[in-house]
């Protein structure tokens, strides 16, 4: 007769995986041999681990729901479903007499990469800078040096799996007995348990701390680029080798310039008279001041190009250019004398200045021309 694995863990048959896991952890803490040395408690602890092994595996849980027992010994009453629910690998194992043994997994594993955002001004991204950064990552625990054990103690071989890091189960199929291996739920597949974990890191072998580093930003970096600092990321579990740290560059908006690749752009407003007569402008570049000439008769939306005053190229030599976009400003209010002089100027050039309603005016001719083509 199949065991009541749900009853062993004290959960309902429709419990979720998270509810099953919480029930297992609660009972495991109560009946663990290190906490409760009673022999009856030890047997109970084995039953709890077996129940969790079954119910945490969707395939085995399905067998239980259909009345079978995935942990039933060979020849036992595995229920009407028997060992029908086995995978392709288990069938191959039955043919060739092998098991899918993987062995214990190491407690020491590589750490993960970390990423940090660094905000810089345009001048810093253009010419480079050495910037101090503060990172909050996992480092090797100074108390246990990554071992995860309290001083003077050591990991012990898991009593459930005997140090293999996995437990085997025998199932009956139409091919005969199939032996399959699954990670041990008591030691999480490590093959060892830590009865006395380090009081500083809780057995993880690492602690979080805040460090200050200096990162060298090369000239010409762009917004969104990442700079890799090898082995400055998270230390792995068990004091494993650290990952890398990536510093992601974010360029702050500039109050004058906008950047496109290695070129810079800015807008300058010039009076209508200056655009007509020509003038000189003093432009403040990243390097200092630069004087450019606005030729007489410059039209609105004209652009001046200053070569080599943009951002240095990240790869190779040289720099981008600076583009000055000109906005010609037309006066909105004129003094009577200014208006008179401007009208005289228009008449001297043969340019008609008329009201919209005046017969023969510019807009009237434009209207007549439009109607004539309609």
Protein backbone atom coordinates (compact mmCIF):
# COMPACT_ATOMS: atom_id res chain seq x y z
CA UNK A 1 0.00 0.00 0.00
CA UNK A 2 1.39 3.41 -1.03
CA UNK A 3 2.54 5.78 1.69
CA UNK A 4 0.62 8.96 2.44
CA UNK A 5 3.35 11.42 1.57
CA UNK A 6 0.96 14.36 1.89
CA UNK A 7 0.08 13.27 5.42
CA UNK A 8 3.75 12.93 6.38
CA UNK A 9 4.33 16.59 5.53
CA UNK A 10 0.91 17.65 6.82
CA UNK A 11 -0.21 19.31 3.60
CA UNK A 12 -3.27 19.00 1.39
CA UNK A 13 -3.24 17.17 -1.92
CA UNK A 14 -3.79 20.41 -3.81
CA UNK A 15 -0.97 22.27 -2.04
CA UNK A 16 1.38 24.35 -4.14
CA UNK A 17 5.10 23.66 -4.49
CA UNK A 18 5.89 26.61 -2.19
CA UNK A 19 3.49 25.33 0.49
CA UNK A 20 5.12 21.89 0.33
CA UNK A 21 8.58 23.44 0.62
CA UNK A 22 7.58 25.53 3.67
CA UNK A 23 6.07 22.49 5.38
CA UNK A 24 9.20 20.46 4.73
CA UNK A 25 11.51 23.14 6.13
CA UNK A 26 9.39 23.53 9.25
CA UNK A 27 9.42 19.79 9.98
CA UNK A 28 13.07 19.36 9.04
CA UNK A 29 14.11 21.95 11.61
CA UNK A 30 12.01 20.19 14.23
CA UNK A 31 13.22 16.63 13.63
CA UNK A 32 16.79 17.21 12.41
CA UNK A 33 19.20 14.86 14.27
CA UNK A 34 21.33 17.80 15.39
CA UNK A 35 18.30 19.34 17.07
CA UNK A 36 16.41 16.25 18.20
CA UNK A 37 18.68 13.23 18.96
CA UNK A 38 15.71 10.96 19.74
CA UNK A 39 15.91 7.80 17.50
CA UNK A 40 12.20 8.16 16.75
CA UNK A 41 12.85 11.72 15.55
CA UNK A 42 15.62 10.46 13.30
CA UNK A 43 13.26 8.00 11.62
CA UNK A 44 10.71 10.76 11.28
CA UNK A 45 13.35 12.96 9.66
CA UNK A 46 14.05 10.26 7.07
CA UNK A 47 10.33 10.00 6.28
CA UNK A 48 10.07 13.76 5.91
CA UNK A 49 12.98 13.83 3.45
CA UNK A 50 11.52 10.98 1.45
CA UNK A 51 8.12 12.68 1.30
CA UNK A 52 9.64 15.93 0.14
CA UNK A 53 11.74 14.13 -2.45
CA UNK A 54 8.56 12.65 -3.91
CA UNK A 55 6.26 15.66 -3.73
CA UNK A 56 8.85 18.15 -5.00
CA UNK A 57 9.25 16.09 -8.18
CA UNK A 58 6.25 16.68 -10.52
CA UNK A 59 6.60 13.25 -12.10
CA UNK A 60 6.74 11.39 -8.80
CA UNK A 61 3.92 13.48 -7.39
CA UNK A 62 1.77 12.52 -10.36
CA UNK A 63 2.44 8.85 -9.61
CA UNK A 64 1.32 9.39 -6.00
CA UNK A 65 -1.86 11.15 -7.13
CA UNK A 66 -2.67 8.14 -9.31
CA UNK A 67 -2.20 5.73 -6.42
CA UNK A 68 1.38 4.63 -7.02
CA UNK A 69 4.50 4.84 -4.87
CA UNK A 70 7.65 5.95 -6.70
CA UNK A 71 9.82 4.82 -3.76
CA UNK A 72 8.28 1.38 -3.46
CA UNK A 73 10.90 -1.42 -3.43
CA UNK A 74 11.11 -3.92 -6.22
CA UNK A 75 8.25 -6.41 -5.98
CA UNK A 76 6.28 -4.13 -3.66
CA UNK A 77 2.76 -2.90 -4.25
CA UNK A 78 3.42 0.21 -6.23
CA UNK A 79 -0.28 0.68 -6.95
CA UNK A 80 -2.09 0.17 -10.20
CA UNK A 81 0.05 2.75 -11.90
CA UNK A 82 3.20 0.82 -10.99
CA UNK A 83 6.23 2.45 -12.54
CA UNK A 84 4.52 3.65 -15.69
CA UNK A 85 5.57 7.24 -15.18
CA UNK A 86 9.27 7.08 -15.95
CA UNK A 87 11.34 9.19 -18.28
CA UNK A 88 13.19 8.26 -21.44
CA UNK A 89 16.52 8.32 -19.60
CA UNK A 90 15.19 5.84 -17.04
CA UNK A 91 14.09 3.48 -19.82
CA UNK A 92 17.57 3.69 -21.36
CA UNK A 93 19.00 2.94 -17.92
CA UNK A 94 16.83 -0.17 -17.77
CA UNK A 95 18.21 -1.38 -21.10
CA UNK A 96 21.86 -0.74 -20.32
CA UNK A 97 21.83 -1.25 -16.54
CA UNK A 98 23.05 2.24 -15.66
CA UNK A 99 21.77 5.04 -13.46
CA UNK A 100 21.85 8.78 -14.01
CA UNK A 101 24.33 9.36 -11.18
CA UNK A 102 25.83 12.83 -11.03
CA UNK A 103 27.61 12.79 -7.69
CA UNK A 104 27.72 15.58 -5.10
CA UNK A 105 27.87 19.13 -6.35
CA UNK A 106 30.60 21.42 -4.99
CA UNK A 107 29.83 24.00 -2.35
CA UNK A 108 32.35 26.37 -3.90
CA UNK A 109 30.92 27.91 -7.07
CA UNK A 110 31.81 30.95 -9.22
CA UNK A 111 30.19 34.24 -8.31
CA UNK A 112 27.83 36.31 -10.43
CA UNK A 113 28.66 39.45 -12.37
CA UNK A 114 27.56 42.82 -10.99
CA UNK A 115 26.65 46.06 -12.72
CA UNK A 116 26.93 49.63 -11.47
CA UNK A 117 25.65 52.86 -13.02
CA UNK A 118 28.05 55.81 -13.20
CA UNK A 119 26.81 59.30 -14.10
CA UNK A 120 29.37 61.54 -15.84
CA UNK A 121 29.42 65.01 -17.39
CA UNK A 122 30.09 65.57 -21.09
CA UNK A 123 33.59 66.86 -20.36
CA UNK A 124 34.38 63.66 -18.41
CA UNK A 125 33.14 61.31 -21.12
CA UNK A 126 34.93 63.33 -23.77
CA UNK A 127 38.38 63.50 -22.18
CA UNK A 128 38.25 60.62 -19.68
CA UNK A 129 38.49 60.61 -15.92
CA UNK A 130 39.50 58.45 -12.96
CA UNK A 131 36.30 58.17 -10.94
CA UNK A 132 35.88 56.65 -7.45
CA UNK A 133 32.95 54.24 -7.22
CA UNK A 134 31.29 52.53 -4.27
CA UNK A 135 30.12 48.95 -4.78
CA UNK A 136 28.01 46.76 -2.51
CA UNK A 137 28.89 43.13 -3.29
CA UNK A 138 29.51 39.79 -1.62
CA UNK A 139 33.07 39.12 -0.43
CA UNK A 140 34.72 36.14 1.26
CA UNK A 141 33.72 35.80 4.89
CA UNK A 142 36.65 36.80 7.07
CA UNK A 143 35.59 34.51 9.93
CA UNK A 144 35.46 31.18 8.09
CA UNK A 145 37.46 32.10 4.96
CA UNK A 146 34.65 30.81 2.77
CA UNK A 147 34.21 27.41 4.42
CA UNK A 148 30.84 28.32 5.94
CA UNK A 149 31.57 26.48 9.19
CA UNK A 150 32.02 27.81 12.68
CA UNK A 151 35.65 27.99 13.91
CA UNK A 152 36.97 24.55 14.86
CA UNK A 153 34.20 22.65 13.03
CA UNK A 154 33.96 20.98 9.64
CA UNK A 155 31.22 19.80 7.26
CA UNK A 156 29.95 16.28 7.96
CA UNK A 157 28.90 13.57 5.57
CA UNK A 158 25.17 13.54 4.95
CA UNK A 159 23.52 10.56 6.66
CA UNK A 160 20.68 10.38 4.15
CA UNK A 161 22.72 9.99 0.96
CA UNK A 162 26.01 8.84 2.50
CA UNK A 163 27.95 11.66 0.88
CA UNK A 164 26.80 10.90 -2.68
CA UNK A 165 24.69 14.03 -2.92
CA UNK A 166 21.82 12.03 -4.39
CA UNK A 167 19.40 9.31 -3.45
CA UNK A 168 18.34 6.41 -5.59
CA UNK A 169 14.88 5.01 -6.07
CA UNK A 170 13.77 1.74 -7.67
CA UNK A 171 10.72 1.68 -9.92
CA UNK A 172 9.01 -1.17 -11.67
CA UNK A 173 8.37 -0.82 -15.39
CA UNK A 174 7.46 -3.19 -18.19
CA UNK A 175 11.22 -3.47 -18.75
CA UNK A 176 11.91 -4.50 -15.16
CA UNK A 177 13.46 -2.51 -12.36
CA UNK A 178 14.65 1.03 -13.10
CA UNK A 179 17.04 2.70 -10.68
CA UNK A 180 17.02 6.50 -10.88
CA UNK A 181 19.02 9.04 -8.91
CA UNK A 182 17.82 12.42 -7.65
CA UNK A 183 19.58 15.17 -5.64
CA UNK A 184 19.37 14.56 -1.90
CA UNK A 185 16.91 16.96 -0.30
CA UNK A 186 18.65 16.75 3.10
CA UNK A 187 22.00 18.13 1.92
CA UNK A 188 20.71 19.83 -1.25
CA UNK A 189 23.00 17.68 -3.35
CA UNK A 190 26.26 18.70 -1.66
CA UNK A 191 26.89 15.34 0.01
CA UNK A 192 27.76 17.10 3.26
CA UNK A 193 25.86 19.10 5.86
CA UNK A 194 27.11 21.93 8.06
CA UNK A 195 25.88 21.19 11.59
CA UNK A 196 27.55 24.30 13.01
CA UNK A 197 27.39 27.11 10.45
CA UNK A 198 29.54 30.19 10.72
CA UNK A 199 27.88 32.83 12.86
CA UNK A 200 29.02 35.62 10.54
CA UNK A 201 27.90 34.36 7.14
CA UNK A 202 25.32 31.75 8.19
CA UNK A 203 27.12 28.98 6.28
CA UNK A 204 27.23 30.75 2.90
CA UNK A 205 30.95 31.48 3.04
CA UNK A 206 30.46 35.11 2.02
CA UNK A 207 29.15 38.37 3.41
CA UNK A 208 28.04 41.61 1.82
CA UNK A 209 30.18 44.67 2.28
CA UNK A 210 30.71 48.10 0.74
CA UNK A 211 33.96 48.81 -1.05
CA UNK A 212 35.46 51.83 -2.80
CA UNK A 213 37.25 51.34 -6.12
CA UNK A 214 38.71 53.66 -8.74
CA UNK A 215 37.69 53.10 -12.35
CA UNK A 216 39.60 54.66 -15.24
CA UNK A 217 37.22 56.05 -17.86
CA UNK A 218 38.85 56.37 -21.30
CA UNK A 219 38.23 59.44 -23.46
CA UNK A 220 35.41 59.20 -25.97
CA UNK A 221 33.08 56.82 -24.12
CA UNK A 222 29.40 57.11 -25.01
CA UNK A 223 26.19 56.91 -23.05
CA UNK A 224 25.26 53.29 -22.33
CA UNK A 225 28.75 51.83 -22.75
CA UNK A 226 30.03 49.39 -20.14
CA UNK A 227 33.53 49.10 -18.70
CA UNK A 228 34.55 45.68 -17.36
CA UNK A 229 36.49 45.33 -14.13
CA UNK A 230 37.67 41.72 -13.99
CA UNK A 231 36.99 39.77 -10.75
CA UNK A 232 35.47 42.74 -8.96
CA UNK A 233 31.92 41.34 -8.90
CA UNK A 234 30.17 38.97 -6.51
CA UNK A 235 32.18 36.32 -4.69
CA UNK A 236 30.59 32.92 -5.26
CA UNK A 237 29.00 30.64 -2.64
CA UNK A 238 31.55 28.87 -0.50
CA UNK A 239 34.09 31.60 -1.22
CA UNK A 240 34.14 30.83 -4.94
CA UNK A 241 35.98 33.04 -7.46
CA UNK A 242 34.31 36.41 -7.98
CA UNK A 243 32.53 37.46 -11.14
CA UNK A 244 33.19 40.67 -13.04
CA UNK A 245 31.95 44.18 -12.33
CA UNK A 246 30.51 46.19 -15.20
CA UNK A 247 30.37 49.98 -14.91
CA UNK A 248 27.63 51.36 -17.17
CA UNK A 249 28.21 54.93 -18.33
CA UNK A 250 25.35 57.43 -18.24
CA UNK A 251 26.14 60.85 -19.70
CA UNK A 252 24.31 63.73 -18.07
CA UNK A 253 22.53 66.14 -20.45
CA UNK A 254 24.56 69.27 -21.20
CA UNK A 255 22.95 72.70 -20.98
CA UNK A 256 24.48 73.84 -24.29
CA UNK A 257 25.59 70.87 -26.39
CA UNK A 258 23.86 67.77 -27.64
CA UNK A 259 25.95 64.82 -28.75
CA UNK A 260 25.57 62.52 -31.74
CA UNK A 261 28.33 59.92 -31.87
CA UNK A 262 31.53 62.01 -31.63
CA UNK A 263 30.01 65.22 -33.03
CA UNK A 264 28.60 68.04 -30.90
CA UNK A 265 25.69 70.29 -31.80
CA UNK A 266 24.54 73.61 -30.36
CA UNK A 267 22.10 76.37 -31.34
CA UNK A 268 22.93 80.07 -31.40
CA UNK A 269 20.45 82.90 -32.00
CA UNK A 270 21.67 85.87 -34.09
CA UNK A 271 19.74 89.08 -34.85
CA UNK A 272 18.32 89.56 -38.32
CA UNK A 273 20.66 92.49 -38.94
CA UNK A 274 23.72 90.41 -37.97
CA UNK A 275 22.66 87.66 -40.35
CA UNK A 276 22.18 90.19 -43.12
CA UNK A 277 25.37 92.21 -42.54
CA UNK A 278 27.61 89.42 -41.25
CA UNK A 279 29.34 89.20 -37.89
CA UNK A 280 31.70 87.17 -35.73
CA UNK A 281 30.60 84.83 -32.96
CA UNK A 282 32.65 83.66 -30.00
CA UNK A 283 31.70 80.02 -29.26
CA UNK A 284 32.71 78.32 -26.03
CA UNK A 285 33.90 74.81 -26.95
CA UNK A 286 35.04 71.95 -24.70
CA UNK A 287 38.61 73.24 -25.04
CA UNK A 288 37.98 76.97 -24.67
CA UNK A 289 36.68 79.80 -26.85
CA UNK A 290 36.57 79.68 -30.65
CA UNK A 291 35.71 82.57 -33.00
CA UNK A 292 33.67 81.81 -36.11
CA UNK A 293 32.52 84.06 -38.92
CA UNK A 294 28.88 84.51 -39.87
CA UNK A 295 28.90 85.60 -43.50
CA UNK A 296 26.68 88.41 -44.73
CA UNK A 297 23.35 87.16 -46.01
CA UNK A 298 23.26 84.09 -43.76
CA UNK A 299 19.85 82.46 -43.96
CA UNK A 300 17.80 80.97 -41.09
CA UNK A 301 18.67 77.37 -40.13
CA UNK A 302 22.20 77.72 -41.51
CA UNK A 303 24.91 75.62 -39.90
CA UNK A 304 28.54 76.42 -39.17
CA UNK A 305 31.05 73.60 -38.84
CA UNK A 306 34.09 73.79 -36.57
CA UNK A 307 36.35 70.87 -37.36
CA UNK A 308 38.06 68.89 -34.63
CA UNK A 309 36.18 70.48 -31.72
CA UNK A 310 33.93 67.55 -30.95
CA UNK A 311 34.57 64.47 -28.80
CA UNK A 312 37.82 62.47 -29.19
CA UNK A 313 37.37 59.14 -30.94
CA UNK A 314 37.31 56.20 -28.53
CA UNK A 315 39.18 54.02 -30.99
CA UNK A 316 41.86 55.64 -33.08
CA UNK A 317 42.99 59.24 -33.25
CA UNK A 318 41.25 62.49 -34.05
CA UNK A 319 38.05 64.09 -32.89
CA UNK A 320 34.56 64.77 -34.09
CA UNK A 321 33.30 68.19 -35.20
CA UNK A 322 31.22 70.92 -33.59
CA UNK A 323 28.14 72.10 -35.50
CA UNK A 324 26.67 75.50 -34.69
CA UNK A 325 23.06 75.82 -35.84
CA UNK A 326 21.97 79.43 -36.38
CA UNK A 327 18.52 80.72 -35.51
CA UNK A 328 17.90 84.14 -37.11
CA UNK A 329 15.77 86.28 -34.83
CA UNK A 330 13.25 88.69 -36.31
CA UNK A 331 12.19 91.60 -34.06
CA UNK A 332 8.60 91.41 -32.86
CA UNK A 333 8.31 95.06 -31.81
CA UNK A 334 9.68 98.11 -33.58
CA UNK A 335 9.88 101.71 -32.55
CA UNK A 336 8.22 104.13 -35.03
CA UNK A 337 11.59 105.33 -36.26
CA UNK A 338 12.85 101.75 -36.65
CA UNK A 339 9.74 100.83 -38.61
CA UNK A 340 10.15 103.85 -40.89
CA UNK A 341 13.76 102.98 -41.61
CA UNK A 342 12.88 99.35 -42.27
CA UNK A 343 10.15 100.36 -44.75
CA UNK A 344 12.53 102.67 -46.53
CA UNK A 345 15.01 99.83 -46.74
CA UNK A 346 12.33 97.57 -48.21
CA UNK A 347 11.36 100.21 -50.82
CA UNK A 348 15.00 100.68 -51.76
CA UNK A 349 15.20 96.96 -52.53
CA UNK A 350 11.91 96.94 -54.42
CA UNK A 351 10.28 94.74 -51.82
CA UNK A 352 6.59 95.45 -51.36
CA UNK A 353 5.28 95.79 -47.82
CA UNK A 354 1.46 95.83 -47.83
CA UNK A 355 -1.47 94.86 -45.70
CA UNK A 356 -3.35 91.64 -46.44
CA UNK A 357 -6.49 93.52 -47.55
CA UNK A 358 -4.70 96.00 -49.82
CA UNK A 359 -5.52 95.49 -53.49
CA UNK A 360 -2.51 94.24 -55.42
CA UNK A 361 -0.57 93.32 -52.32
CA UNK A 362 1.76 90.34 -52.14
CA UNK A 363 -0.72 88.02 -50.44
CA UNK A 364 -3.46 89.12 -52.89
CA UNK A 365 -1.31 88.10 -55.84
CA UNK A 366 -0.51 84.84 -54.09
CA UNK A 367 -4.23 84.22 -53.56
CA UNK A 368 -5.05 85.01 -57.20
CA UNK A 369 -2.33 82.70 -58.40
CA UNK A 370 -3.64 79.91 -56.23
CA UNK A 371 -7.22 80.40 -57.45
CA UNK A 372 -6.06 80.45 -61.01
CA UNK A 373 -4.63 76.93 -60.64
CA UNK A 374 -7.62 75.61 -58.71
